[in-house]
Amino acid sequence: MKKALTAIQPSGFLHLGNYIGAIEPAVKLQTETKLTMFIADYHAITVPQKPEDLRRNILFAAATYLACGINPNRTTLFQQSRVPAHTELAWVLQCVARMGEVERMIQYKDKAVGKGESVSVGLFTYPILMAADILLYNTEIVPVGEDQKQHVELARDLAERFNKQFGDTFLIPEPQIRKDGARIMGLDDATKKMSKSATSAKNYISLTDEPDVVRKKIMTAVTDSSTEIRTDRNRPAITNLLTIFSAVTGRPIEAIEIAYLGKGYGEFKKDLAEAIVEYLTPLQAKLSLLLADETELKRILDDGAARANEVAEHKIRHVRKVIGAKL
């Protein structure tokens, strides 16, 4: 089986776009690959975090993964900061990386706009830490959204440069972009991705939103001037709602379009809201049970960290040897 790796930052809540675009595909991927998953707490601190919130959010992220169907006996699930080799390899790769290629990272440019000197160095260098995350585990497949593809390409470039200078050390990873449902857009602005950092809660459906909140958000979601319920590249709002409907029901978009021929947005949105509620209810029940047992969550993360450390230490020892740091 090929080796795959994915991660998510502990933000305190996850939305439907995270689930459809990243977590759900990972649940499927664990049956097809040898999957490594981690909670990226060191990536999270590139922006200020309250320590008590970060700790709580790490446990919440772990519980969410498990509630969504990740099997810790099949998948190595752990907390990034519990594996020191991540930051050690990141330093080595920083010495291989070039300023120009890191400066070209689009996400840094987007997040740093208007912040001037208040931007942390970590926000600038975190794509190199992401490269270390990937390369430590002989990763062959990295499932990412289109907006993260550039970071996987940086990991590939750094691996190839390191291998050329020091000999074959790293496998060259491949990004895997999900074609359907990989990019769920905001309910209040369908030209921008659904986001945890959105200024309005109307942008997203949180995985923990109560049914009445889900209904209200869907009924107020933006639509288009045309009343026809069908996908169209020039009609991003209805296309986005149809994409969500398909994702939560498993029905092809074409079948949904046929079902709502001649019907209005009101009926469509009402049915979509109920489909989302039905989709989230069992997940929310599992999440509540998992969060109630912090001891078990920590045990699962401890076990995953032990397994991850075994693999990562083997790789970092080899890195120390080939660069001449091992005496």
Protein backbone atom coordinates (compact mmCIF):
# COMPACT_ATOMS: atom_id res chain seq x y z
CA MET A 1 0.00 0.00 0.00
CA LYS A 2 1.18 3.51 -0.76
CA LYS A 3 1.88 5.91 2.09
CA ALA A 4 -0.31 9.01 2.45
CA LEU A 5 -0.25 11.92 4.87
CA THR A 6 -2.75 14.59 5.85
CA ALA A 7 -3.20 17.06 8.71
CA ILE A 8 -5.49 19.73 10.08
CA GLN A 9 -4.90 22.69 12.37
CA PRO A 10 -6.65 22.70 15.78
CA SER A 11 -8.84 25.76 15.32
CA GLY A 12 -11.63 25.05 17.80
CA PHE A 13 -14.23 24.15 15.25
CA LEU A 14 -14.45 22.56 11.83
CA HIS A 15 -16.93 23.36 9.12
CA LEU A 16 -18.70 21.40 6.42
CA GLY A 17 -16.06 22.38 3.87
CA ASN A 18 -13.32 20.82 6.04
CA TYR A 19 -15.35 17.64 6.37
CA ILE A 20 -16.30 17.26 2.70
CA GLY A 21 -13.01 18.48 1.29
CA ALA A 22 -10.47 16.92 3.66
CA ILE A 23 -11.75 14.64 6.43
CA GLU A 24 -14.24 12.51 4.50
CA PRO A 25 -11.71 11.76 1.73
CA ALA A 26 -9.16 10.85 4.43
CA VAL A 27 -11.57 8.32 5.93
CA LYS A 28 -11.76 6.65 2.53
CA LEU A 29 -8.02 7.00 2.00
CA GLN A 30 -7.23 5.02 5.18
CA THR A 31 -8.73 1.94 3.50
CA GLU A 32 -6.58 2.38 0.39
CA THR A 33 -3.24 3.55 1.81
CA LYS A 34 -1.03 3.45 4.87
CA LEU A 35 -2.25 6.75 6.27
CA THR A 36 -0.50 9.12 8.66
CA MET A 37 -2.65 11.94 10.13
CA PHE A 38 -1.64 14.60 12.58
CA ILE A 39 -3.01 17.62 14.41
CA ALA A 40 -0.82 20.52 13.31
CA ASP A 41 -0.47 22.42 16.59
CA TYR A 42 2.90 23.93 15.62
CA HIS A 43 1.38 25.28 12.42
CA ALA A 44 -1.43 26.76 14.49
CA ILE A 45 0.92 28.93 16.56
CA THR A 46 2.04 30.93 13.52
CA VAL A 47 -0.74 33.22 14.76
CA PRO A 48 -1.34 34.03 18.46
CA GLN A 49 -3.06 31.28 20.47
CA LYS A 50 -4.26 31.17 24.06
CA PRO A 51 -2.60 28.10 25.64
CA GLU A 52 -5.80 26.81 27.25
CA ASP A 53 -7.67 27.19 23.96
CA LEU A 54 -4.95 25.41 21.97
CA ARG A 55 -4.98 22.45 24.36
CA ARG A 56 -8.76 22.16 24.15
CA ASN A 57 -8.70 22.52 20.37
CA ILE A 58 -6.15 19.72 19.97
CA LEU A 59 -8.49 17.33 21.77
CA PHE A 60 -11.44 18.61 19.75
CA ALA A 61 -9.60 17.97 16.48
CA ALA A 62 -8.71 14.44 17.57
CA ALA A 63 -12.30 13.73 18.59
CA THR A 64 -13.57 15.09 15.27
CA TYR A 65 -11.25 12.85 13.26
CA LEU A 66 -12.41 9.84 15.25
CA ALA A 67 -16.10 10.78 15.07
CA CYS A 68 -15.84 11.10 11.30
CA GLY A 69 -14.55 7.55 11.00
CA ILE A 70 -10.78 7.58 11.37
CA ASN A 71 -9.68 4.25 12.86
CA PRO A 72 -6.61 4.75 15.11
CA ASN A 73 -5.74 1.06 14.75
CA ARG A 74 -5.42 1.50 11.00
CA THR A 75 -4.25 5.12 10.82
CA THR A 76 -1.39 6.71 12.76
CA LEU A 77 -3.09 9.67 14.44
CA PHE A 78 -0.96 12.00 16.57
CA GLN A 79 -0.13 15.52 17.71
CA GLN A 80 2.60 17.20 15.63
CA SER A 81 4.54 18.69 18.57
CA ARG A 82 4.93 15.23 20.13
CA VAL A 83 7.35 14.28 17.33
CA PRO A 84 10.50 16.45 17.63
CA ALA A 85 11.84 15.35 14.25
CA HIS A 86 9.31 17.63 12.52
CA THR A 87 11.02 20.79 13.71
CA GLU A 88 14.53 19.35 13.40
CA LEU A 89 14.01 18.43 9.76
CA ALA A 90 12.34 21.79 9.14
CA TRP A 91 15.57 23.52 10.21
CA VAL A 92 17.66 21.35 7.90
CA LEU A 93 15.29 22.10 5.01
CA GLN A 94 15.39 25.83 5.78
CA CYS A 95 19.10 25.60 5.06
CA VAL A 96 18.30 23.96 1.71
CA ALA A 97 15.42 26.27 0.74
CA ARG A 98 15.88 29.55 -1.11
CA MET A 99 14.34 32.85 -0.07
CA GLY A 100 12.84 33.43 -3.50
CA GLU A 101 10.84 30.20 -3.59
CA VAL A 102 9.43 30.75 -0.09
CA GLU A 103 8.54 34.37 -0.88
CA ARG A 104 6.43 33.11 -3.79
CA MET A 105 4.07 31.16 -1.51
CA ILE A 106 0.62 32.58 -2.24
CA GLN A 107 -0.92 31.80 1.16
CA TYR A 108 1.79 33.80 2.94
CA LYS A 109 1.12 36.77 0.68
CA ASP A 110 -2.62 36.52 1.33
CA LYS A 111 -2.31 36.24 5.11
CA ALA A 112 0.41 38.87 5.45
CA VAL A 113 -1.37 41.60 3.49
CA GLY A 114 -1.59 44.78 5.55
CA LYS A 115 0.05 43.30 8.66
CA GLY A 116 3.53 44.73 8.10
CA GLU A 117 6.09 43.94 10.80
CA SER A 118 3.52 42.18 13.00
CA VAL A 119 3.66 39.08 10.76
CA SER A 120 5.52 36.24 12.48
CA VAL A 121 8.55 34.60 10.90
CA GLY A 122 6.73 31.31 11.43
CA LEU A 123 3.99 32.38 9.03
CA PHE A 124 6.69 32.90 6.42
CA THR A 125 8.55 29.64 7.01
CA TYR A 126 5.67 27.29 7.78
CA PRO A 127 5.64 25.85 4.21
CA ILE A 128 9.11 24.47 5.03
CA LEU A 129 7.76 22.88 8.22
CA MET A 130 4.98 21.44 6.06
CA ALA A 131 7.62 20.00 3.74
CA ALA A 132 9.30 18.37 6.75
CA ASP A 133 5.93 16.96 7.87
CA ILE A 134 5.54 15.29 4.49
CA LEU A 135 9.08 14.07 3.90
CA LEU A 136 9.61 12.49 7.34
CA TYR A 137 7.23 9.62 6.61
CA ASN A 138 8.28 8.59 3.09
CA THR A 139 4.99 10.05 1.93
CA GLU A 140 3.88 9.24 -1.60
CA ILE A 141 0.40 10.85 -1.62
CA VAL A 142 -0.64 14.16 -0.07
CA PRO A 143 -4.38 14.90 -0.42
CA VAL A 144 -4.75 18.69 -0.48
CA GLY A 145 -7.02 21.42 -1.74
CA GLU A 146 -5.97 23.40 -4.77
CA ASP A 147 -4.78 26.21 -2.46
CA GLN A 148 -2.23 23.90 -0.78
CA LYS A 149 -0.84 22.32 -3.96
CA GLN A 150 1.94 24.91 -4.11
CA HIS A 151 3.22 23.78 -0.71
CA VAL A 152 3.46 20.15 -1.85
CA GLU A 153 5.36 21.34 -4.90
CA LEU A 154 7.82 23.10 -2.57
CA ALA A 155 8.25 19.83 -0.64
CA ARG A 156 9.01 18.08 -3.93
CA ASP A 157 11.57 20.73 -4.89
CA LEU A 158 13.32 20.56 -1.52
CA ALA A 159 13.40 16.77 -1.57
CA GLU A 160 14.92 16.70 -5.05
CA ARG A 161 17.53 19.34 -4.11
CA PHE A 162 18.45 17.50 -0.91
CA ASN A 163 18.72 14.17 -2.72
CA LYS A 164 20.96 15.69 -5.39
CA GLN A 165 23.27 17.20 -2.77
CA PHE A 166 23.36 14.40 -0.18
CA GLY A 167 22.16 11.26 -1.96
CA ASP A 168 18.78 9.54 -2.11
CA THR A 169 17.05 10.29 1.19
CA PHE A 170 13.48 11.38 0.50
CA LEU A 171 10.68 10.02 -1.65
CA ILE A 172 9.14 12.61 -3.97
CA PRO A 173 5.49 13.13 -2.89
CA GLU A 174 2.56 13.67 -5.23
CA PRO A 175 -0.36 16.01 -4.47
CA GLN A 176 -3.81 14.44 -4.79
CA ILE A 177 -6.56 16.93 -5.57
CA ARG A 178 -10.14 15.75 -5.05
CA LYS A 179 -12.20 16.81 -8.08
CA ASP A 180 -15.70 16.68 -6.57
CA GLY A 181 -16.53 18.71 -3.50
CA ALA A 182 -12.92 19.58 -2.73
CA ARG A 183 -13.65 23.30 -2.60
CA ILE A 184 -16.83 24.22 -0.74
CA MET A 185 -17.49 27.93 -1.00
CA GLY A 186 -18.88 30.39 1.53
CA LEU A 187 -22.64 30.59 1.99
CA ASP A 188 -22.45 34.37 2.10
CA ASP A 189 -19.98 34.74 -0.78
CA ALA A 190 -19.70 31.87 -3.24
CA THR A 191 -16.60 33.37 -4.87
CA LYS A 192 -14.53 32.65 -1.74
CA LYS A 193 -13.80 29.38 0.01
CA MET A 194 -15.77 28.44 3.14
CA SER A 195 -13.41 29.50 5.92
CA LYS A 196 -12.91 29.21 9.67
CA SER A 197 -11.52 32.75 9.66
CA ALA A 198 -14.54 34.29 7.91
CA THR A 199 -15.78 37.49 9.54
CA SER A 200 -19.37 36.24 9.60
CA ALA A 201 -20.73 32.94 10.93
CA LYS A 202 -23.13 33.01 7.97
CA ASN A 203 -20.18 31.95 5.81
CA TYR A 204 -20.05 28.37 7.05
CA ILE A 205 -21.88 25.42 8.55
CA SER A 206 -19.97 24.31 11.65
CA LEU A 207 -19.95 20.58 12.31
CA THR A 208 -21.42 21.39 15.73
CA ASP A 209 -24.16 23.78 14.57
CA GLU A 210 -27.59 22.98 16.02
CA PRO A 211 -30.32 22.00 13.50
CA ASP A 212 -32.12 25.34 13.72
CA VAL A 213 -28.83 27.19 13.13
CA VAL A 214 -28.17 25.05 10.05
CA ARG A 215 -31.65 25.78 8.70
CA LYS A 216 -31.30 29.52 9.24
CA LYS A 217 -27.89 29.68 7.57
CA ILE A 218 -29.04 27.73 4.52
CA MET A 219 -32.25 29.73 4.12
CA THR A 220 -30.21 32.97 4.15
CA ALA A 221 -27.44 31.66 1.88
CA VAL A 222 -26.83 33.77 -1.22
CA THR A 223 -28.29 32.60 -4.53
CA ASP A 224 -28.31 33.96 -8.07
CA SER A 225 -30.65 36.22 -10.00
CA SER A 226 -31.84 33.29 -12.14
CA THR A 227 -34.39 30.98 -10.53
CA GLU A 228 -33.32 27.81 -12.36
CA ILE A 229 -31.68 25.24 -10.08
CA ARG A 230 -28.73 23.99 -12.08
CA THR A 231 -24.94 24.26 -12.08
CA ASP A 232 -23.32 26.92 -14.21
CA ARG A 233 -19.78 28.29 -14.02
CA ASN A 234 -21.29 31.76 -14.18
CA ARG A 235 -23.61 31.01 -11.25
CA PRO A 236 -21.28 30.11 -8.36
CA ALA A 237 -23.88 30.40 -5.58
CA ILE A 238 -26.36 27.78 -6.78
CA THR A 239 -23.49 25.63 -8.03
CA ASN A 240 -22.04 25.65 -4.52
CA LEU A 241 -25.36 24.70 -2.89
CA LEU A 242 -25.82 21.87 -5.39
CA THR A 243 -22.29 20.65 -4.65
CA ILE A 244 -23.07 20.58 -0.92
CA PHE A 245 -26.41 18.81 -1.53
CA SER A 246 -24.65 16.14 -3.59
CA ALA A 247 -21.90 15.69 -1.00
CA VAL A 248 -24.22 15.20 1.98
CA THR A 249 -26.67 12.90 0.19
CA GLY A 250 -24.40 10.99 -2.19
CA ARG A 251 -26.73 11.83 -5.07
CA PRO A 252 -25.25 13.02 -8.38
CA ILE A 253 -25.73 16.73 -9.04
CA GLU A 254 -27.53 15.91 -12.29
CA ALA A 255 -30.15 13.88 -10.41
CA ILE A 256 -30.72 16.75 -7.97
CA GLU A 257 -31.12 19.21 -10.84
CA ILE A 258 -33.78 16.97 -12.40
CA ALA A 259 -35.60 16.61 -9.06
CA TYR A 260 -35.95 20.39 -8.77
CA LEU A 261 -36.94 21.24 -12.32
CA GLY A 262 -39.60 23.93 -12.14
CA LYS A 263 -39.24 24.29 -8.37
CA GLY A 264 -38.08 27.35 -6.45
CA TYR A 265 -35.19 28.19 -4.19
CA GLY A 266 -37.36 28.03 -1.07
CA GLU A 267 -38.19 24.34 -1.46
CA PHE A 268 -34.67 23.52 -2.58
CA LYS A 269 -33.05 25.27 0.39
CA LYS A 270 -35.47 23.70 2.87
CA ASP A 271 -34.62 20.22 1.60
CA LEU A 272 -30.91 21.00 1.55
CA ALA A 273 -31.02 22.18 5.17
CA GLU A 274 -32.75 18.97 6.27
CA ALA A 275 -30.22 16.88 4.34
CA ILE A 276 -27.36 18.63 6.14
CA VAL A 277 -29.03 18.17 9.54
CA GLU A 278 -29.49 14.46 8.83
CA TYR A 279 -25.87 14.23 7.71
CA LEU A 280 -24.46 15.93 10.82
CA THR A 281 -26.66 14.43 13.56
CA PRO A 282 -24.86 11.06 13.97
CA LEU A 283 -21.47 12.75 13.75
CA GLN A 284 -22.41 15.21 16.50
CA ALA A 285 -23.57 12.38 18.74
CA LYS A 286 -20.25 10.53 18.33
CA LEU A 287 -18.31 13.74 18.90
CA SER A 288 -20.07 14.41 22.21
CA LEU A 289 -19.25 10.92 23.49
CA LEU A 290 -15.58 11.22 22.51
CA LEU A 291 -15.13 14.65 24.08
CA ALA A 292 -16.56 13.31 27.33
CA ASP A 293 -13.62 10.88 27.65
CA GLU A 294 -10.46 13.01 27.58
CA THR A 295 -8.36 10.17 29.00
CA GLU A 296 -9.14 7.94 26.04
CA LEU A 297 -8.44 10.73 23.54
CA LYS A 298 -5.03 11.32 25.12
CA ARG A 299 -4.30 7.58 25.10
CA ILE A 300 -5.03 7.40 21.36
CA LEU A 301 -2.78 10.40 20.68
CA ASP A 302 -0.01 8.96 22.86
CA ASP A 303 -0.14 5.68 20.97
CA GLY A 304 -0.07 7.48 17.63
CA ALA A 305 2.88 9.65 18.70
CA ALA A 306 4.87 6.57 19.70
CA ARG A 307 4.34 5.00 16.29
CA ALA A 308 5.07 8.26 14.45
CA ASN A 309 8.26 8.84 16.46
CA GLU A 310 9.56 5.43 15.50
CA VAL A 311 9.30 6.24 11.78
CA ALA A 312 10.41 9.88 12.08
CA GLU A 313 13.48 9.10 14.23
CA HIS A 314 14.67 6.56 11.66
CA LYS A 315 14.49 9.20 8.94
CA ILE A 316 16.08 12.04 10.93
CA ARG A 317 18.98 9.82 12.00
CA HIS A 318 19.69 9.17 8.34
CA VAL A 319 19.46 12.91 7.59
CA ARG A 320 21.99 13.70 10.35
CA LYS A 321 24.32 11.08 8.92
CA VAL A 322 24.26 12.24 5.30
CA ILE A 323 24.73 15.94 6.13
CA GLY A 324 27.70 15.10 8.36
CA ALA A 325 26.10 15.91 11.73
CA LYS A 326 26.42 12.38 13.12
CA LEU A 327 29.83 11.77 14.71
